[in-house]
Amino acid sequence: MSELHLGVIESRFADIIWAHEPISSPQLAKLAEEALGWKKSTTYTVLKRLCQRGLFQNQKGCVTALLTREAFYAHQCEQFVNDSFDGSLPAFVAAFGTRKRLSEAEIDQLQAIIDHMREAQP
């Protein structure tokens, strides 16, 4: 799944699909023209590329996702932590915390996530 990295414009295009799926390819081309200023040929070229990467599928003119938006971005985050922090989530959080002071609400949210993960452990 490492080939699933998307550029900024590809991400905007993918977000259009996720927001409207299932969507017909002609309707997708219309939305991409409105949101991105793309011609139909550009839409179909980028769609084909994203389908080849295994992110979406276009069957009989109906475009659907093979991965949810959440699963895709979870993979991106995991890949970033692996590449940048040798897979250490605590190292990532520590690095993030040195540059930005977390609010009490953010700390509470992180603690709630940790507590939930502890409860889910076998």
N, C-alpha and C. Protein backbone atom coordinates (compact mmCIF):
# COMPACT_ATOMS: atom_id res chain seq x y z
N MET A 1 0.81 -1.21 0.00
CA MET A 1 0.00 0.00 0.00
C MET A 1 0.85 1.26 0.00
N SER A 2 2.15 1.14 0.02
CA SER A 2 3.01 2.32 0.08
C SER A 2 2.88 3.19 -1.16
N GLU A 3 2.39 2.64 -2.29
CA GLU A 3 2.22 3.43 -3.50
C GLU A 3 0.99 4.33 -3.43
N LEU A 4 0.33 4.39 -2.30
CA LEU A 4 -0.89 5.17 -2.18
C LEU A 4 -0.67 6.61 -1.76
N HIS A 5 0.56 7.06 -1.78
CA HIS A 5 0.79 8.47 -1.45
C HIS A 5 0.12 9.34 -2.51
N LEU A 6 -0.59 10.38 -2.07
CA LEU A 6 -1.26 11.29 -2.99
C LEU A 6 -0.69 12.69 -2.84
N GLY A 7 -0.58 13.39 -3.96
CA GLY A 7 -0.23 14.79 -3.92
C GLY A 7 -1.44 15.61 -3.48
N VAL A 8 -1.25 16.90 -3.34
CA VAL A 8 -2.32 17.78 -2.86
C VAL A 8 -3.54 17.73 -3.79
N ILE A 9 -3.31 17.85 -5.09
CA ILE A 9 -4.43 17.87 -6.03
C ILE A 9 -5.10 16.50 -6.10
N GLU A 10 -4.31 15.43 -6.09
CA GLU A 10 -4.89 14.09 -6.09
C GLU A 10 -5.73 13.88 -4.84
N SER A 11 -5.29 14.41 -3.72
CA SER A 11 -6.06 14.29 -2.48
C SER A 11 -7.39 15.01 -2.59
N ARG A 12 -7.38 16.19 -3.19
CA ARG A 12 -8.64 16.93 -3.37
C ARG A 12 -9.59 16.15 -4.28
N PHE A 13 -9.04 15.55 -5.32
CA PHE A 13 -9.84 14.74 -6.24
C PHE A 13 -10.40 13.51 -5.50
N ALA A 14 -9.55 12.83 -4.74
CA ALA A 14 -10.00 11.67 -3.97
C ALA A 14 -11.10 12.07 -2.99
N ASP A 15 -10.97 13.22 -2.36
CA ASP A 15 -12.00 13.69 -1.43
C ASP A 15 -13.34 13.88 -2.14
N ILE A 16 -13.31 14.33 -3.39
CA ILE A 16 -14.55 14.47 -4.17
C ILE A 16 -15.20 13.10 -4.34
N ILE A 17 -14.40 12.11 -4.67
CA ILE A 17 -14.96 10.76 -4.86
C ILE A 17 -15.53 10.25 -3.55
N TRP A 18 -14.75 10.35 -2.47
CA TRP A 18 -15.23 9.84 -1.18
C TRP A 18 -16.52 10.54 -0.74
N ALA A 19 -16.64 11.81 -1.03
CA ALA A 19 -17.82 12.57 -0.61
C ALA A 19 -19.07 12.20 -1.41
N HIS A 20 -18.89 11.68 -2.63
CA HIS A 20 -20.04 11.46 -3.51
C HIS A 20 -20.24 10.01 -3.96
N GLU A 21 -19.39 9.11 -3.50
CA GLU A 21 -19.50 7.73 -4.00
C GLU A 21 -20.75 7.04 -3.51
N PRO A 22 -21.28 6.11 -4.26
CA PRO A 22 -20.90 5.80 -5.63
C PRO A 22 -21.31 6.94 -6.56
N ILE A 23 -20.46 7.19 -7.54
CA ILE A 23 -20.69 8.30 -8.45
C ILE A 23 -20.38 7.85 -9.88
N SER A 24 -21.18 8.31 -10.80
CA SER A 24 -20.92 7.97 -12.20
C SER A 24 -19.70 8.74 -12.67
N SER A 25 -18.94 8.17 -13.57
CA SER A 25 -17.74 8.86 -14.05
C SER A 25 -18.07 10.18 -14.76
N PRO A 26 -19.18 10.29 -15.52
CA PRO A 26 -19.50 11.61 -16.09
C PRO A 26 -19.81 12.66 -15.01
N GLN A 27 -20.51 12.25 -13.95
CA GLN A 27 -20.80 13.18 -12.86
C GLN A 27 -19.51 13.58 -12.14
N LEU A 28 -18.60 12.62 -11.97
CA LEU A 28 -17.30 12.91 -11.35
C LEU A 28 -16.53 13.92 -12.20
N ALA A 29 -16.56 13.74 -13.51
CA ALA A 29 -15.87 14.68 -14.41
C ALA A 29 -16.46 16.08 -14.26
N LYS A 30 -17.76 16.17 -14.10
CA LYS A 30 -18.41 17.47 -13.92
C LYS A 30 -17.99 18.12 -12.60
N LEU A 31 -17.97 17.32 -11.53
CA LEU A 31 -17.55 17.85 -10.23
C LEU A 31 -16.08 18.27 -10.24
N ALA A 32 -15.24 17.48 -10.90
CA ALA A 32 -13.81 17.83 -10.99
C ALA A 32 -13.61 19.10 -11.80
N GLU A 33 -14.43 19.29 -12.81
CA GLU A 33 -14.34 20.53 -13.59
C GLU A 33 -14.71 21.74 -12.72
N GLU A 34 -15.76 21.59 -11.93
CA GLU A 34 -16.21 22.69 -11.07
C GLU A 34 -15.20 22.97 -9.94
N ALA A 35 -14.71 21.92 -9.30
CA ALA A 35 -13.85 22.09 -8.13
C ALA A 35 -12.38 22.31 -8.47
N LEU A 36 -11.92 21.69 -9.56
CA LEU A 36 -10.49 21.71 -9.87
C LEU A 36 -10.16 22.37 -11.20
N GLY A 37 -11.19 22.68 -11.98
CA GLY A 37 -10.97 23.28 -13.29
C GLY A 37 -10.44 22.29 -14.32
N TRP A 38 -10.69 21.00 -14.10
CA TRP A 38 -10.16 19.95 -14.96
C TRP A 38 -11.06 19.71 -16.16
N LYS A 39 -10.44 19.30 -17.27
CA LYS A 39 -11.17 18.80 -18.42
C LYS A 39 -11.50 17.34 -18.15
N LYS A 40 -12.46 16.82 -18.89
CA LYS A 40 -12.88 15.43 -18.71
C LYS A 40 -11.70 14.47 -18.87
N SER A 41 -10.83 14.74 -19.84
CA SER A 41 -9.70 13.84 -20.08
C SER A 41 -8.75 13.81 -18.88
N THR A 42 -8.55 14.94 -18.22
CA THR A 42 -7.70 14.98 -17.02
C THR A 42 -8.32 14.15 -15.91
N THR A 43 -9.62 14.30 -15.72
CA THR A 43 -10.32 13.52 -14.69
C THR A 43 -10.15 12.03 -14.92
N TYR A 44 -10.36 11.59 -16.16
CA TYR A 44 -10.27 10.18 -16.45
C TYR A 44 -8.84 9.66 -16.33
N THR A 45 -7.86 10.48 -16.68
CA THR A 45 -6.46 10.08 -16.54
C THR A 45 -6.09 9.88 -15.08
N VAL A 46 -6.45 10.85 -14.24
CA VAL A 46 -6.13 10.75 -12.81
C VAL A 46 -6.93 9.62 -12.17
N LEU A 47 -8.18 9.47 -12.53
CA LEU A 47 -8.99 8.38 -12.00
C LEU A 47 -8.36 7.03 -12.36
N LYS A 48 -7.94 6.87 -13.59
CA LYS A 48 -7.31 5.61 -14.00
C LYS A 48 -6.06 5.33 -13.17
N ARG A 49 -5.26 6.36 -12.94
CA ARG A 49 -4.04 6.21 -12.14
C ARG A 49 -4.39 5.77 -10.71
N LEU A 50 -5.41 6.39 -10.11
CA LEU A 50 -5.79 6.04 -8.74
C LEU A 50 -6.42 4.65 -8.66
N CYS A 51 -7.09 4.25 -9.73
CA CYS A 51 -7.64 2.89 -9.80
C CYS A 51 -6.50 1.88 -9.90
N GLN A 52 -5.49 2.18 -10.69
CA GLN A 52 -4.33 1.28 -10.83
C GLN A 52 -3.58 1.13 -9.51
N ARG A 53 -3.61 2.16 -8.69
CA ARG A 53 -2.95 2.10 -7.38
C ARG A 53 -3.78 1.34 -6.35
N GLY A 54 -5.03 1.00 -6.70
CA GLY A 54 -5.86 0.23 -5.79
C GLY A 54 -6.68 1.04 -4.82
N LEU A 55 -6.81 2.33 -5.08
CA LEU A 55 -7.58 3.19 -4.18
C LEU A 55 -9.06 3.22 -4.54
N PHE A 56 -9.34 3.26 -5.83
CA PHE A 56 -10.72 3.32 -6.34
C PHE A 56 -10.91 2.26 -7.41
N GLN A 57 -12.17 2.06 -7.78
CA GLN A 57 -12.48 1.22 -8.93
C GLN A 57 -13.55 1.92 -9.76
N ASN A 58 -13.49 1.69 -11.06
CA ASN A 58 -14.45 2.26 -11.99
C ASN A 58 -15.01 1.10 -12.80
N GLN A 59 -16.19 0.63 -12.39
CA GLN A 59 -16.81 -0.49 -13.07
C GLN A 59 -18.09 -0.04 -13.75
N LYS A 60 -18.09 -0.19 -15.06
CA LYS A 60 -19.25 0.18 -15.88
C LYS A 60 -19.65 1.63 -15.63
N GLY A 61 -18.65 2.50 -15.48
CA GLY A 61 -18.91 3.92 -15.31
C GLY A 61 -19.33 4.34 -13.92
N CYS A 62 -19.25 3.42 -12.95
CA CYS A 62 -19.59 3.74 -11.56
C CYS A 62 -18.31 3.68 -10.73
N VAL A 63 -17.97 4.81 -10.12
CA VAL A 63 -16.73 4.92 -9.35
C VAL A 63 -17.03 4.73 -7.86
N THR A 64 -16.28 3.81 -7.26
CA THR A 64 -16.40 3.55 -5.82
C THR A 64 -15.00 3.41 -5.23
N ALA A 65 -14.92 3.55 -3.93
CA ALA A 65 -13.64 3.44 -3.22
C ALA A 65 -13.39 1.99 -2.83
N LEU A 66 -12.12 1.60 -2.93
CA LEU A 66 -11.69 0.31 -2.41
C LEU A 66 -11.18 0.46 -0.99
N LEU A 67 -10.81 1.68 -0.64
CA LEU A 67 -10.40 2.04 0.72
C LEU A 67 -11.23 3.23 1.17
N THR A 68 -11.65 3.22 2.42
CA THR A 68 -12.35 4.39 2.93
C THR A 68 -11.36 5.53 3.11
N ARG A 69 -11.88 6.73 3.20
CA ARG A 69 -11.03 7.90 3.44
C ARG A 69 -10.26 7.71 4.75
N GLU A 70 -10.94 7.22 5.76
CA GLU A 70 -10.32 7.03 7.07
C GLU A 70 -9.19 6.01 7.01
N ALA A 71 -9.42 4.90 6.29
CA ALA A 71 -8.38 3.86 6.18
C ALA A 71 -7.18 4.40 5.41
N PHE A 72 -7.44 5.18 4.36
CA PHE A 72 -6.34 5.74 3.58
C PHE A 72 -5.48 6.67 4.44
N TYR A 73 -6.12 7.60 5.13
CA TYR A 73 -5.35 8.57 5.92
C TYR A 73 -4.70 7.91 7.15
N ALA A 74 -5.31 6.87 7.68
CA ALA A 74 -4.66 6.12 8.77
C ALA A 74 -3.37 5.49 8.25
N HIS A 75 -3.43 4.94 7.05
CA HIS A 75 -2.22 4.37 6.45
C HIS A 75 -1.16 5.44 6.23
N GLN A 76 -1.57 6.62 5.77
CA GLN A 76 -0.62 7.71 5.53
C GLN A 76 0.06 8.13 6.83
N CYS A 77 -0.71 8.23 7.90
CA CYS A 77 -0.14 8.60 9.20
C CYS A 77 0.84 7.54 9.68
N GLU A 78 0.44 6.29 9.56
CA GLU A 78 1.31 5.19 9.98
C GLU A 78 2.62 5.20 9.18
N GLN A 79 2.51 5.42 7.88
CA GLN A 79 3.70 5.46 7.03
C GLN A 79 4.62 6.62 7.43
N PHE A 80 4.02 7.78 7.74
CA PHE A 80 4.81 8.93 8.16
C PHE A 80 5.58 8.64 9.45
N VAL A 81 4.90 8.06 10.42
CA VAL A 81 5.55 7.72 11.69
C VAL A 81 6.65 6.69 11.46
N ASN A 82 6.39 5.71 10.62
CA ASN A 82 7.41 4.70 10.32
C ASN A 82 8.62 5.32 9.65
N ASP A 83 8.39 6.17 8.66
CA ASP A 83 9.48 6.76 7.90
C ASP A 83 10.26 7.81 8.69
N SER A 84 9.55 8.60 9.48
CA SER A 84 10.17 9.74 10.13
C SER A 84 10.62 9.49 11.57
N PHE A 85 9.99 8.54 12.26
CA PHE A 85 10.27 8.32 13.67
C PHE A 85 10.57 6.86 13.98
N ASP A 86 11.01 6.15 12.95
CA ASP A 86 11.38 4.74 13.10
C ASP A 86 10.23 3.94 13.73
N GLY A 87 9.01 4.31 13.40
CA GLY A 87 7.84 3.59 13.87
C GLY A 87 7.41 3.90 15.30
N SER A 88 8.04 4.88 15.93
CA SER A 88 7.74 5.17 17.33
C SER A 88 6.70 6.28 17.46
N LEU A 89 5.51 5.90 17.84
CA LEU A 89 4.46 6.89 18.06
C LEU A 89 4.80 7.81 19.23
N PRO A 90 5.35 7.30 20.35
CA PRO A 90 5.76 8.22 21.42
C PRO A 90 6.79 9.25 20.96
N ALA A 91 7.73 8.85 20.10
CA ALA A 91 8.71 9.81 19.59
C ALA A 91 8.03 10.88 18.74
N PHE A 92 7.03 10.48 17.96
CA PHE A 92 6.28 11.46 17.16
C PHE A 92 5.55 12.45 18.05
N VAL A 93 4.84 11.95 19.06
CA VAL A 93 4.09 12.83 19.96
C VAL A 93 5.04 13.76 20.71
N ALA A 94 6.17 13.23 21.14
CA ALA A 94 7.15 14.05 21.85
C ALA A 94 7.69 15.16 20.94
N ALA A 95 7.99 14.81 19.69
CA ALA A 95 8.48 15.82 18.74
C ALA A 95 7.42 16.86 18.47
N PHE A 96 6.19 16.43 18.31
CA PHE A 96 5.09 17.36 18.05
C PHE A 96 4.90 18.29 19.24
N GLY A 97 4.99 17.73 20.44
CA GLY A 97 4.76 18.52 21.66
C GLY A 97 5.84 19.54 21.94
N THR A 98 7.02 19.37 21.37
CA THR A 98 8.08 20.36 21.60
C THR A 98 7.86 21.62 20.78
N ARG A 99 7.08 21.53 19.71
CA ARG A 99 6.85 22.68 18.83
C ARG A 99 5.51 23.37 19.08
N LYS A 100 4.58 22.65 19.63
CA LYS A 100 3.23 23.20 19.82
C LYS A 100 2.74 22.78 21.20
N ARG A 101 2.34 23.77 21.94
CA ARG A 101 1.78 23.47 23.27
C ARG A 101 0.37 22.94 23.08
N LEU A 102 0.12 21.77 23.66
CA LEU A 102 -1.19 21.16 23.57
C LEU A 102 -2.13 21.78 24.59
N SER A 103 -3.36 22.00 24.18
CA SER A 103 -4.36 22.52 25.10
C SER A 103 -4.80 21.40 26.04
N GLU A 104 -5.44 21.78 27.12
CA GLU A 104 -5.97 20.78 28.05
C GLU A 104 -6.97 19.87 27.34
N ALA A 105 -7.78 20.43 26.45
CA ALA A 105 -8.76 19.62 25.71
C ALA A 105 -8.05 18.60 24.81
N GLU A 106 -6.96 19.01 24.16
CA GLU A 106 -6.21 18.09 23.31
C GLU A 106 -5.57 16.98 24.14
N ILE A 107 -5.01 17.36 25.29
CA ILE A 107 -4.41 16.36 26.17
C ILE A 107 -5.48 15.38 26.64
N ASP A 108 -6.66 15.89 26.99
CA ASP A 108 -7.76 15.02 27.41
C ASP A 108 -8.18 14.07 26.28
N GLN A 109 -8.21 14.59 25.05
CA GLN A 109 -8.57 13.75 23.91
C GLN A 109 -7.54 12.63 23.72
N LEU A 110 -6.26 13.00 23.80
CA LEU A 110 -5.20 11.98 23.67
C LEU A 110 -5.30 10.94 24.78
N GLN A 111 -5.56 11.40 25.99
CA GLN A 111 -5.69 10.47 27.12
C GLN A 111 -6.88 9.54 26.90
N ALA A 112 -7.98 10.06 26.39
CA ALA A 112 -9.16 9.23 26.12
C ALA A 112 -8.84 8.17 25.07
N ILE A 113 -8.06 8.54 24.06
CA ILE A 113 -7.66 7.58 23.03
C ILE A 113 -6.79 6.49 23.65
N ILE A 114 -5.84 6.88 24.49
CA ILE A 114 -4.96 5.91 25.15
C ILE A 114 -5.78 4.99 26.05
N ASP A 115 -6.70 5.57 26.82
CA ASP A 115 -7.53 4.75 27.70
C ASP A 115 -8.36 3.74 26.90
N HIS A 116 -8.90 4.19 25.79
CA HIS A 116 -9.70 3.31 24.92
C HIS A 116 -8.82 2.17 24.38
N MET A 117 -7.60 2.50 24.00
CA MET A 117 -6.68 1.48 23.48
C MET A 117 -6.32 0.47 24.56
N ARG A 118 -6.14 0.95 25.78
CA ARG A 118 -5.83 0.03 26.88
C ARG A 118 -6.99 -0.94 27.12
N GLU A 119 -8.19 -0.42 27.07
CA GLU A 119 -9.37 -1.26 27.28
C GLU A 119 -9.53 -2.29 26.18
N ALA A 120 -9.09 -1.98 24.99
CA ALA A 120 -9.24 -2.87 23.84
C ALA A 120 -8.16 -3.95 23.79
N GLN A 121 -7.12 -3.83 24.64
CA GLN A 121 -6.04 -4.81 24.66
C GLN A 121 -6.59 -6.15 25.18
N PRO A 122 -6.11 -7.25 24.60
CA PRO A 122 -6.58 -8.59 25.05
C PRO A 122 -6.07 -8.94 26.42
